[in-house]
Amino acid sequence: MKSVRINIHGTVQGVGFRPFVYRLANELNIKGWIVNSSEGVTIEAEGIEKNINDFLLKLREEKPVNSSITSFSFIDSSVKYFQLFEIRQSSNSQKKTALILPDIAACKDCEEEIFNPEDRRYLYPFTNCTNCGPRFSIIEAIPYDRANTTMREFEMCDKCKAEYENPFDRRFHAEPIACPDCGPQVTFYDNEKNLISERHEAIVKAAQFIREGKIVAVKGLGGFQLLADASNEKAIKTLRERKHREEKPLAMMFPSLENVKDFCEVNSEEEKLLCSAHAPIVLLRKKENNFIAKSIAPENNYYGVMLPYTPLHKILLEVLDTPIAATSGNISDEPICIDNDEAFEKLGGIADYFLVHNRKIVRQVDDSVARIVKGKPFMIRRARGFAPYPVITDSEVPPAIAAGGHLKNTVAISSGKNIFISQHIGDLDTKEAFGAFKKIIHDFQNLYAVKPGTVISDLHPDYVSTKFAEKLGLNHFQVQHHYAHMLSCIAENKIEGEVLGICWDGTGFGTDGNIWGGEFLKVNEDKFERFAHLKYFPLPGGEKAINEIWRTGVSLLSSVQSKEEVKNYYSKHDADTILNLIEKKINSPLTSSMGRLFDGISSIINLTQYSSYEGQAAMQLENIVDVNSEERYEFELIKSQKNNFDIEWRNVIKEVFFDLKNGILKETISSKFHNALVDLILKVCNLSGMQQIALSGGCFQNKFLLEKSIDMLTNNGYKVYWQSEIPINDGGISLGQMMYYNFLNKNRK
């Protein structure tokens, strides 16, 4: 006889791990017990030595599909001659490091049940099992037990209880287990809170009104969504007007994969991602069609597409049998609504009707957004289905908070070797967004029982997140924005040694007080050196130029053309005032931003003069690229007195304007600009003498630019890294800030 005590850390709660272990123990005639703890699971197992060895092997090799093991250890213990193998009541130690599973899309087994008229969960919109359903959005404390979730308000009926207590049942210890007799229910109201219908009839009514062109607010998994018929131009325009979302593309939900393929190009990797348990919004290339409303994704080659991921969505889309717009249930720039009363108050002026339910949501969790880059998923917005999976470091990080940036904010908290990165919070421009930011920090501290002694923030003195960090009264470190971007990429890819980091984005406060954004940085853990950057140019009006991009166009063009030429070209705008601002250096901060260079060129070729959402002009410039063109402009590299390089862009602007005046197509100009950027990357890398190249920053959300840069560098013998699991945009800043603190801590030892 042999006896072992096994400790397993990782995603092992809420994924059917205990029933898997129970069945495996019975199969191998192993006696003992298993228990959930705040760190993972602990197993006491005894049996003949061969069976124990098989047990240890199969625990790792045959674990449930949604589980993951980050630490597996065992020691010999004394034989106690247990009579059976049992699942014991969860323990609650002080150190809370168990990994909470994200909310998971409904599995095939549950889907079959909800559409089977003979099943007791037929058309029940809260059907789930150990392999699917809500997790992160309903949990209030670790360990993941029903008493620690919002499902504790619903007492299980006898049938559900029998399933819950049967280790051989698919719903054994499925904490959100429910059925029509004992679980949550949906109800349907108009926007004045008048009850219209309940239960399945509520879903039928919602579908009916969507077909009629109405906007329906639906309480989903991690918050409310606003739904409208995607083929109804009038309904989509009404949704945009009421939500104050002028041109930013709206996501869509399709009834089936086959339906998606009617309107989008879908390769095998995109199909796999769409149908995965994560079920994010996936960016897919459009097919020409006259069915989807043009205003869903104007001036864009891609649709944001998702499949129904909850039973409620599956039932609704089955009734509708048509694609719907499905956008966040919020007023622009505010967090999504999660509470019924809050939704009626805030969305009453947007939605005509409300499909709600009585299962509480603990925290808002937006839909994740991803695309496929170089054959693998590439995260743009990390939330439902992915958060709060951690990044695991090679050493323990003392408890700390990373406050992130200002746009696309996420926060991070360290616990042991885990860095837990929050779901997408968004831009911190409103009081409500800042409130959500503070709530999530407090939430994470409670969830993981972390008492941080340190906070890390951005270098920008005016960021809301920086000001918050300063007032906490903790040890406070600040990290330069683009350096944090590179550390985030280094952390995800576990890069060792010195790296040349290429960080291109819109805005980041530099160590010289200027606005950076077109950077080549030599990075080595806890320090960086600026190797090359775009030559500075004025940004007249400061932040105003981000939306009124003609200001940047005037600034760039005035560097290569006469004042009269610029005023004549921008005759529809007040170019004279802008030129005076630049000349007198009034409210015209200097920037090296690649994002603003994209804006300026979009303006100069008159692609657009205004940007209603971040990155709009750059996206439009990418959308018209001729992927087969190899023509290019050429940037000049000028060695500075500091022994680094200024990237001269004026010759590019001059040639862009020359081409435009000579009737060269905008598509050709865009291609020549993009190809010039790829050529620039290779030139600087060749000068750097470094072999490891890391790409980060929002400009690399441009798929053409990113993939062509990767190919060019790889073909020239460089080892290239980029972010996939953590956003390459500012959603990854909090991880980079935490990694800076991790390096500082390691170097102190």
Foldseek 3Di string as FASTA:
>chain_A
DWKKKKDWAWQQPLQLLQLVLQVLCVVLVWAWEKAQELGGIITITDDPPVSVVVSLVCSQVVGGPQIDTPDMDMDTDDDPPGPHYYYDYHDYDLFRNHDWFFAWFADPVQVVQCCDPVHQQPVPQQAHASRHGHIVFFAQAPPRALVRGLLVVWDDDPVQVVQCCDSVHRRPRNNNHDGPVTHKWKWKFFLVRDTDGTHPVNLLVVLVVLVVLFWEWEQDRQFIKIKHFQQDQVSVVLLCVLLVPQQAAFAKEALDPVRVVVWFDADPLNVCQQPGRQFFFEWTFTDDDNRGHCSNHPLFRTHRYHYRGTSSRNSSCVSNNHMMGIGAQARPPAAGHQDPVVSSVGCSSNGRMYIYMPRGTPHHWDGWYWYAFPSHIFTAFFTGSFPFAWQFAPFFFAWEKELFFAAQTWIWTGRTRTITIHGGLGGPPDPNSVVSSVVVVVSVCRHRVTDHQEYEYAPDPPRPSNVVRVPPPHHYHHDWQQLLLVLLLCSVVVDADKAFEAFAAAFTQDPVRFTEGGFTWTDHQQDIDTFEFADKWWQQQVPVCQFQVVLLLLRLVVVPDPLVVSCVLVVVDPSVVSVVCRVVVPRTTIYRHPLSVLSNLLVLLPVDRGDPDGCPSVSSLLRLADLPDLAADAWDWDQDPVRHTHTYCNSLSVVSNVCSVVPNDSNVNSNRHLNNVLVVVVVSVVVVPDQEYEYAEDSCVSSSSVNSNVVVSVVVRHHYTYHRSQHSYSSSSNVSRSSSSVSVVVVVD
